[in-house]
């Protein structure tokens, strides 16, 4: 049963339920970029992000990577495990794009021989700075054991999603994973969404960007790109 609103963000709202360890996540049509500097409302964006995320999180659950996702409720909402948020982002890069490419002075879209995994402090006021494991432990955010597990889960999730999306002709360029400790058990699980809002996805045949970069870079046709991702996933 859906109860009171317990968190209201720009892109999602979270509601309590009659189960202490479960929440309902509601996806809005607002999209933001560059730490909330750029924002817009795109009709039905929340519906497509919700459904894509349900597909991908559900797939990880089936593959043995625990996430907060329990089930899809309707076009905009999903039932999830309640978590204590860990303010870190583990980003898996199959290509170097955006900020990473700029920092390292390589061409946007450069494909290295290896997979790169970054750790960022999820703090808008500080600009989401890069951290290493020692920084995260020193700040009291995680233990070394938790950090090792987060890296391992993110790498495996990246591999699984890369393989899945390849089956429908989509290249997973990079993916941002957030983590939390599950209410009641403390289990470390992937939280937040996995969608074109949090991943870069390119059409393998054409190189077309099918993700939030269409909004960041003013490429237009954001919603048609999200629909394309959803329709391809639903063929599976």
C-alpha atoms as a PDB file:
ATOM      1  CA  UNK A   1       0.000   0.000   0.000  1.00  0.00           C
ATOM      2  CA  UNK A   2       1.354   3.414  -1.005  1.00  0.00           C
ATOM      3  CA  UNK A   3       1.799   5.744   1.957  1.00  0.00           C
ATOM      4  CA  UNK A   4       3.395   9.136   2.529  1.00  0.00           C
ATOM      5  CA  UNK A   5       6.008  10.829   0.351  1.00  0.00           C
ATOM      6  CA  UNK A   6       9.399  10.402   2.028  1.00  0.00           C
ATOM      7  CA  UNK A   7      11.697  11.868  -0.632  1.00  0.00           C
ATOM      8  CA  UNK A   8      11.144  14.236  -3.535  1.00  0.00           C
ATOM      9  CA  UNK A   9      13.905  14.678  -6.068  1.00  0.00           C
ATOM     10  CA  UNK A  10      13.838  16.268  -9.500  1.00  0.00           C
ATOM     11  CA  UNK A  11      13.559  13.019 -11.460  1.00  0.00           C
ATOM     12  CA  UNK A  12      12.044  10.664  -8.879  1.00  0.00           C
ATOM     13  CA  UNK A  13       9.769  10.628  -5.858  1.00  0.00           C
ATOM     14  CA  UNK A  14       9.874   7.932  -3.195  1.00  0.00           C
ATOM     15  CA  UNK A  15       6.884   6.843  -1.136  1.00  0.00           C
ATOM     16  CA  UNK A  16       6.719   4.716   1.990  1.00  0.00           C
ATOM     17  CA  UNK A  17       4.587   1.577   1.968  1.00  0.00           C
ATOM     18  CA  UNK A  18       2.914  -0.551   4.619  1.00  0.00           C
ATOM     19  CA  UNK A  19       6.075  -2.720   4.551  1.00  0.00           C
ATOM     20  CA  UNK A  20       8.941  -1.139   6.508  1.00  0.00           C
ATOM     21  CA  UNK A  21      11.573  -2.505   4.124  1.00  0.00           C
ATOM     22  CA  UNK A  22       9.866  -1.529   0.864  1.00  0.00           C
ATOM     23  CA  UNK A  23       9.221   1.738  -0.988  1.00  0.00           C
ATOM     24  CA  UNK A  24       7.518   2.835  -4.180  1.00  0.00           C
ATOM     25  CA  UNK A  25       9.661   4.786  -6.643  1.00  0.00           C
ATOM     26  CA  UNK A  26       7.794   7.186  -8.942  1.00  0.00           C
ATOM     27  CA  UNK A  27       9.544   8.438 -12.107  1.00  0.00           C
ATOM     28  CA  UNK A  28       8.804  12.018 -13.196  1.00  0.00           C
ATOM     29  CA  UNK A  29       9.169  13.610 -16.636  1.00  0.00           C
ATOM     30  CA  UNK A  30      11.865  16.034 -15.466  1.00  0.00           C
ATOM     31  CA  UNK A  31      15.359  15.536 -16.847  1.00  0.00           C
ATOM     32  CA  UNK A  32      18.474  17.289 -15.566  1.00  0.00           C
ATOM     33  CA  UNK A  33      22.108  17.527 -16.573  1.00  0.00           C
ATOM     34  CA  UNK A  34      25.333  19.143 -15.402  1.00  0.00           C
ATOM     35  CA  UNK A  35      24.414  18.880 -11.693  1.00  0.00           C
ATOM     36  CA  UNK A  36      20.951  20.388 -12.173  1.00  0.00           C
ATOM     37  CA  UNK A  37      22.203  23.372 -14.179  1.00  0.00           C
ATOM     38  CA  UNK A  38      20.233  22.264 -17.229  1.00  0.00           C
ATOM     39  CA  UNK A  39      16.729  20.892 -16.897  1.00  0.00           C
ATOM     40  CA  UNK A  40      13.565  20.297 -18.880  1.00  0.00           C
ATOM     41  CA  UNK A  41      10.291  18.403 -18.731  1.00  0.00           C
ATOM     42  CA  UNK A  42       9.935  15.815 -21.480  1.00  0.00           C
ATOM     43  CA  UNK A  43       6.528  14.230 -21.951  1.00  0.00           C
ATOM     44  CA  UNK A  44       6.437  10.571 -20.857  1.00  0.00           C
ATOM     45  CA  UNK A  45      10.192  10.463 -20.181  1.00  0.00           C
ATOM     46  CA  UNK A  46       9.475   9.055 -16.717  1.00  0.00           C
ATOM     47  CA  UNK A  47       7.388   6.242 -18.153  1.00  0.00           C
ATOM     48  CA  UNK A  48      10.130   5.100 -20.515  1.00  0.00           C
ATOM     49  CA  UNK A  49      12.910   5.410 -17.913  1.00  0.00           C
ATOM     50  CA  UNK A  50      10.806   3.425 -15.436  1.00  0.00           C
ATOM     51  CA  UNK A  51      10.137   0.587 -17.855  1.00  0.00           C
ATOM     52  CA  UNK A  52      13.705   0.414 -19.186  1.00  0.00           C
ATOM     53  CA  UNK A  53      15.107   0.418 -15.653  1.00  0.00           C
ATOM     54  CA  UNK A  54      12.691  -2.335 -14.618  1.00  0.00           C
ATOM     55  CA  UNK A  55      13.950  -4.471 -17.526  1.00  0.00           C
ATOM     56  CA  UNK A  56      17.629  -3.971 -16.703  1.00  0.00           C
ATOM     57  CA  UNK A  57      17.403  -4.172 -12.913  1.00  0.00           C
ATOM     58  CA  UNK A  58      15.183  -7.232 -13.173  1.00  0.00           C
ATOM     59  CA  UNK A  59      17.731  -8.861 -15.470  1.00  0.00           C
ATOM     60  CA  UNK A  60      20.552  -8.248 -12.990  1.00  0.00           C
ATOM     61  CA  UNK A  61      18.443  -9.756 -10.207  1.00  0.00           C
ATOM     62  CA  UNK A  62      17.918 -12.884 -12.307  1.00  0.00           C
ATOM     63  CA  UNK A  63      21.659 -13.064 -12.959  1.00  0.00           C
ATOM     64  CA  UNK A  64      22.456 -13.027  -9.238  1.00  0.00           C
ATOM     65  CA  UNK A  65      23.421  -9.348  -8.899  1.00  0.00           C
ATOM     66  CA  UNK A  66      21.139  -8.026  -6.117  1.00  0.00           C
ATOM     67  CA  UNK A  67      19.369  -4.724  -6.756  1.00  0.00           C
ATOM     68  CA  UNK A  68      16.658  -2.736  -5.020  1.00  0.00           C
ATOM     69  CA  UNK A  69      14.104  -3.563  -7.733  1.00  0.00           C
ATOM     70  CA  UNK A  70      11.225  -5.886  -6.784  1.00  0.00           C
ATOM     71  CA  UNK A  71       8.564  -5.424  -9.448  1.00  0.00           C
ATOM     72  CA  UNK A  72       7.026  -3.003 -11.919  1.00  0.00           C
ATOM     73  CA  UNK A  73       3.744  -1.567 -10.630  1.00  0.00           C
ATOM     74  CA  UNK A  74       2.573   0.609 -13.504  1.00  0.00           C
ATOM     75  CA  UNK A  75       3.855   2.927 -16.209  1.00  0.00           C
ATOM     76  CA  UNK A  76       5.580   5.258 -13.746  1.00  0.00           C
ATOM     77  CA  UNK A  77       6.135   3.282 -10.548  1.00  0.00           C
ATOM     78  CA  UNK A  78       8.045   0.303  -9.282  1.00  0.00           C
ATOM     79  CA  UNK A  79       8.224  -1.459  -5.935  1.00  0.00           C
ATOM     80  CA  UNK A  80      11.734  -1.452  -4.501  1.00  0.00           C
ATOM     81  CA  UNK A  81      13.663  -2.478  -1.433  1.00  0.00           C
ATOM     82  CA  UNK A  82      14.265   0.398   0.969  1.00  0.00           C
ATOM     83  CA  UNK A  83      17.927   1.249   1.343  1.00  0.00           C
ATOM     84  CA  UNK A  84      20.400   3.358   3.250  1.00  0.00           C
ATOM     85  CA  UNK A  85      21.988   5.279   0.399  1.00  0.00           C
ATOM     86  CA  UNK A  86      25.750   5.127  -0.050  1.00  0.00           C
ATOM     87  CA  UNK A  87      26.765   8.475  -1.637  1.00  0.00           C
ATOM     88  CA  UNK A  88      29.149   6.986  -4.187  1.00  0.00           C
ATOM     89  CA  UNK A  89      28.897   6.261  -7.899  1.00  0.00           C
ATOM     90  CA  UNK A  90      30.839   3.458  -9.547  1.00  0.00           C
ATOM     91  CA  UNK A  91      31.059   4.148 -13.278  1.00  0.00           C
ATOM     92  CA  UNK A  92      32.038   1.433 -15.741  1.00  0.00           C
ATOM     93  CA  UNK A  93      33.450   2.752 -19.038  1.00  0.00           C
ATOM     94  CA  UNK A  94      33.737   0.664 -22.201  1.00  0.00           C
ATOM     95  CA  UNK A  95      34.574   3.872 -24.068  1.00  0.00           C
ATOM     96  CA  UNK A  96      35.873   7.261 -22.952  1.00  0.00           C
ATOM     97  CA  UNK A  97      33.217   9.927 -23.393  1.00  0.00           C
ATOM     98  CA  UNK A  98      32.216  13.294 -22.008  1.00  0.00           C
ATOM     99  CA  UNK A  99      34.060  14.413 -18.887  1.00  0.00           C
ATOM    100  CA  UNK A 100      36.415  11.425 -18.863  1.00  0.00           C
ATOM    101  CA  UNK A 101      37.532  12.012 -22.461  1.00  0.00           C
ATOM    102  CA  UNK A 102      38.055  15.706 -21.769  1.00  0.00           C
ATOM    103  CA  UNK A 103      40.104  15.061 -18.629  1.00  0.00           C
ATOM    104  CA  UNK A 104      42.389  12.571 -20.350  1.00  0.00           C
ATOM    105  CA  UNK A 105      42.669  14.497 -23.610  1.00  0.00           C
ATOM    106  CA  UNK A 106      41.364  11.784 -25.886  1.00  0.00           C
ATOM    107  CA  UNK A 107      38.755  11.859 -28.623  1.00  0.00           C
ATOM    108  CA  UNK A 108      35.176  11.532 -27.413  1.00  0.00           C
ATOM    109  CA  UNK A 109      34.216   7.893 -27.886  1.00  0.00           C
ATOM    110  CA  UNK A 110      37.778   6.535 -27.734  1.00  0.00           C
ATOM    111  CA  UNK A 111      37.666   2.772 -27.106  1.00  0.00           C
ATOM    112  CA  UNK A 112      40.510   1.503 -24.900  1.00  0.00           C
ATOM    113  CA  UNK A 113      41.686  -2.096 -24.766  1.00  0.00           C
ATOM    114  CA  UNK A 114      40.554  -2.379 -21.157  1.00  0.00           C
ATOM    115  CA  UNK A 115      37.435  -1.527 -19.149  1.00  0.00           C
ATOM    116  CA  UNK A 116      37.808   1.539 -16.918  1.00  0.00           C
ATOM    117  CA  UNK A 117      36.083   1.793 -13.558  1.00  0.00           C
ATOM    118  CA  UNK A 118      35.785   5.180 -11.825  1.00  0.00           C
ATOM    119  CA  UNK A 119      34.624   6.060  -8.330  1.00  0.00           C
ATOM    120  CA  UNK A 120      32.861   9.386  -7.726  1.00  0.00           C
ATOM    121  CA  UNK A 121      31.565  11.100  -4.593  1.00  0.00           C
ATOM    122  CA  UNK A 122      27.848  11.704  -5.192  1.00  0.00           C
ATOM    123  CA  UNK A 123      27.828  15.301  -3.994  1.00  0.00           C
ATOM    124  CA  UNK A 124      26.451  18.024  -6.285  1.00  0.00           C
ATOM    125  CA  UNK A 125      27.909  20.844  -4.195  1.00  0.00           C
ATOM    126  CA  UNK A 126      31.410  19.483  -4.749  1.00  0.00           C
ATOM    127  CA  UNK A 127      30.769  18.636  -8.393  1.00  0.00           C
ATOM    128  CA  UNK A 128      30.797  14.831  -7.898  1.00  0.00           C
ATOM    129  CA  UNK A 129      34.601  14.611  -7.588  1.00  0.00           C
ATOM    130  CA  UNK A 130      36.612  11.509  -8.386  1.00  0.00           C
ATOM    131  CA  UNK A 131      37.712   9.506  -5.356  1.00  0.00           C
ATOM    132  CA  UNK A 132      39.781   6.443  -4.687  1.00  0.00           C
ATOM    133  CA  UNK A 133      39.055   3.682  -2.198  1.00  0.00           C
ATOM    134  CA  UNK A 134      41.181   5.264   0.531  1.00  0.00           C
ATOM    135  CA  UNK A 135      39.255   8.551   0.219  1.00  0.00           C
ATOM    136  CA  UNK A 136      35.898   6.775   0.513  1.00  0.00           C
ATOM    137  CA  UNK A 137      37.003   4.852   3.608  1.00  0.00           C
ATOM    138  CA  UNK A 138      38.578   7.952   5.172  1.00  0.00           C
ATOM    139  CA  UNK A 139      35.270   9.816   4.798  1.00  0.00           C
ATOM    140  CA  UNK A 140      33.522   7.009   6.675  1.00  0.00           C
ATOM    141  CA  UNK A 141      31.266   6.208   3.723  1.00  0.00           C
ATOM    142  CA  UNK A 142      32.249   2.552   3.293  1.00  0.00           C
ATOM    143  CA  UNK A 143      34.655  -0.083   4.532  1.00  0.00           C
ATOM    144  CA  UNK A 144      37.395  -1.575   2.397  1.00  0.00           C
ATOM    145  CA  UNK A 145      35.407  -4.801   2.205  1.00  0.00           C
ATOM    146  CA  UNK A 146      32.302  -2.962   0.979  1.00  0.00           C
ATOM    147  CA  UNK A 147      34.304  -1.032  -1.600  1.00  0.00           C
ATOM    148  CA  UNK A 148      35.840  -4.229  -2.961  1.00  0.00           C
ATOM    149  CA  UNK A 149      32.374  -5.761  -3.272  1.00  0.00           C
ATOM    150  CA  UNK A 150      30.965  -2.649  -4.991  1.00  0.00           C
ATOM    151  CA  UNK A 151      33.728  -2.705  -7.593  1.00  0.00           C
ATOM    152  CA  UNK A 152      33.178  -6.416  -8.201  1.00  0.00           C
ATOM    153  CA  UNK A 153      29.395  -6.039  -8.540  1.00  0.00           C
ATOM    154  CA  UNK A 154      29.709  -3.024 -10.848  1.00  0.00           C
ATOM    155  CA  UNK A 155      32.182  -4.793 -13.140  1.00  0.00           C
ATOM    156  CA  UNK A 156      29.986  -7.886 -13.337  1.00  0.00           C
ATOM    157  CA  UNK A 157      26.830  -5.808 -13.892  1.00  0.00           C
ATOM    158  CA  UNK A 158      28.615  -3.919 -16.660  1.00  0.00           C
ATOM    159  CA  UNK A 159      29.601  -7.171 -18.355  1.00  0.00           C
ATOM    160  CA  UNK A 160      26.079  -8.598 -18.105  1.00  0.00           C
ATOM    161  CA  UNK A 161      24.401  -5.458 -19.458  1.00  0.00           C
ATOM    162  CA  UNK A 162      26.972  -5.125 -22.248  1.00  0.00           C
ATOM    163  CA  UNK A 163      26.155  -8.663 -23.385  1.00  0.00           C
ATOM    164  CA  UNK A 164      22.396  -8.154 -23.056  1.00  0.00           C
ATOM    165  CA  UNK A 165      22.285  -4.893 -24.995  1.00  0.00           C
ATOM    166  CA  UNK A 166      24.572  -6.279 -27.690  1.00  0.00           C
ATOM    167  CA  UNK A 167      21.865  -8.859 -28.440  1.00  0.00           C
ATOM    168  CA  UNK A 168      19.573  -6.035 -29.564  1.00  0.00           C
ATOM    169  CA  UNK A 169      22.223  -4.024 -31.402  1.00  0.00           C
ATOM    170  CA  UNK A 170      22.989  -1.497 -28.653  1.00  0.00           C
ATOM    171  CA  UNK A 171      26.500  -0.776 -27.382  1.00  0.00           C
ATOM    172  CA  UNK A 172      26.794  -0.010 -23.672  1.00  0.00           C
ATOM    173  CA  UNK A 173      29.335   2.807 -23.729  1.00  0.00           C
ATOM    174  CA  UNK A 174      29.319   3.417 -19.983  1.00  0.00           C
ATOM    175  CA  UNK A 175      27.080   2.824 -16.968  1.00  0.00           C
ATOM    176  CA  UNK A 176      26.745   4.493 -13.577  1.00  0.00           C
ATOM    177  CA  UNK A 177      25.911   2.252 -10.626  1.00  0.00           C
ATOM    178  CA  UNK A 178      24.788   3.476  -7.219  1.00  0.00           C
ATOM    179  CA  UNK A 179      24.624   1.291  -4.119  1.00  0.00           C
ATOM    180  CA  UNK A 180      22.796   1.091  -0.821  1.00  0.00           C
ATOM    181  CA  UNK A 181      22.459  -1.086   2.253  1.00  0.00           C
ATOM    182  CA  UNK A 182      19.121  -2.901   2.269  1.00  0.00           C
ATOM    183  CA  UNK A 183      16.790  -2.036   5.148  1.00  0.00           C
ATOM    184  CA  UNK A 184      16.587  -4.801   7.725  1.00  0.00           C
ATOM    185  CA  UNK A 185      19.495  -6.858   6.403  1.00  0.00           C
ATOM    186  CA  UNK A 186      22.263  -4.385   5.561  1.00  0.00           C
ATOM    187  CA  UNK A 187      22.923  -6.305   2.337  1.00  0.00           C
ATOM    188  CA  UNK A 188      24.906  -4.315  -0.203  1.00  0.00           C
ATOM    189  CA  UNK A 189      22.751  -3.913  -3.335  1.00  0.00           C
ATOM    190  CA  UNK A 190      22.621  -1.842  -6.511  1.00  0.00           C
ATOM    191  CA  UNK A 191      20.113   0.978  -6.121  1.00  0.00           C
ATOM    192  CA  UNK A 192      18.662   3.809  -8.209  1.00  0.00           C
ATOM    193  CA  UNK A 193      17.806   3.349 -11.877  1.00  0.00           C
ATOM    194  CA  UNK A 194      19.673   1.876 -14.806  1.00  0.00           C
ATOM    195  CA  UNK A 195      18.441   3.571 -17.962  1.00  0.00           C
ATOM    196  CA  UNK A 196      19.518   5.971 -20.725  1.00  0.00           C
ATOM    197  CA  UNK A 197      19.541   8.592 -17.951  1.00  0.00           C
ATOM    198  CA  UNK A 198      22.425   6.828 -16.191  1.00  0.00           C
ATOM    199  CA  UNK A 199      24.117   4.993 -19.075  1.00  0.00           C
ATOM    200  CA  UNK A 200      25.433   5.908 -22.488  1.00  0.00           C
ATOM    201  CA  UNK A 201      23.924   3.654 -25.142  1.00  0.00           C
ATOM    202  CA  UNK A 202      24.772   3.812 -28.830  1.00  0.00           C
ATOM    203  CA  UNK A 203      23.155   2.092 -31.785  1.00  0.00           C
ATOM    204  CA  UNK A 204      25.807  -0.392 -32.927  1.00  0.00           C
ATOM    205  CA  UNK A 205      24.891  -0.060 -36.597  1.00  0.00           C
ATOM    206  CA  UNK A 206      24.661   3.713 -36.894  1.00  0.00           C
ATOM    207  CA  UNK A 207      26.470   5.139 -33.851  1.00  0.00           C
ATOM    208  CA  UNK A 208      23.302   7.049 -32.958  1.00  0.00           C
ATOM    209  CA  UNK A 209      23.230   8.134 -29.309  1.00  0.00           C
ATOM    210  CA  UNK A 210      20.207   6.699 -27.518  1.00  0.00           C
ATOM    211  CA  UNK A 211      20.692   8.277 -24.094  1.00  0.00           C
ATOM    212  CA  UNK A 212      20.689  11.503 -22.076  1.00  0.00           C
ATOM    213  CA  UNK A 213      23.514  12.893 -24.218  1.00  0.00           C
ATOM    214  CA  UNK A 214      20.770  13.810 -26.669  1.00  0.00           C
ATOM    215  CA  UNK A 215      19.569  16.250 -24.009  1.00  0.00           C
ATOM    216  CA  UNK A 216      23.018  17.288 -22.744  1.00  0.00           C
ATOM    217  CA  UNK A 217      24.296  18.056 -26.236  1.00  0.00           C
ATOM    218  CA  UNK A 218      21.051  19.489 -27.664  1.00  0.00           C
ATOM    219  CA  UNK A 219      20.785  16.728 -30.270  1.00  0.00           C
ATOM    220  CA  UNK A 220      16.987  16.569 -30.021  1.00  0.00           C
ATOM    221  CA  UNK A 221      14.714  13.518 -30.298  1.00  0.00           C
ATOM    222  CA  UNK A 222      15.350  12.441 -26.698  1.00  0.00           C
ATOM    223  CA  UNK A 223      12.068  10.583 -26.297  1.00  0.00           C
ATOM    224  CA  UNK A 224      12.276   8.718 -29.645  1.00  0.00           C
ATOM    225  CA  UNK A 225      15.717   7.468 -28.567  1.00  0.00           C
ATOM    226  CA  UNK A 226      14.374   6.168 -25.239  1.00  0.00           C
ATOM    227  CA  UNK A 227      11.458   4.517 -27.037  1.00  0.00           C
ATOM    228  CA  UNK A 228      13.914   2.800 -29.369  1.00  0.00           C
ATOM    229  CA  UNK A 229      15.848   1.370 -26.398  1.00  0.00           C
ATOM    230  CA  UNK A 230      12.649   0.143 -24.727  1.00  0.00           C
ATOM    231  CA  UNK A 231      11.274  -1.457 -27.871  1.00  0.00           C
ATOM    232  CA  UNK A 232      14.541  -3.282 -28.495  1.00  0.00           C
ATOM    233  CA  UNK A 233      14.660  -4.566 -24.919  1.00  0.00           C
ATOM    234  CA  UNK A 234      11.061  -5.731 -25.084  1.00  0.00           C
ATOM    235  CA  UNK A 235      11.943  -7.987 -28.002  1.00  0.00           C
ATOM    236  CA  UNK A 236      13.916 -10.039 -25.473  1.00  0.00           C
END
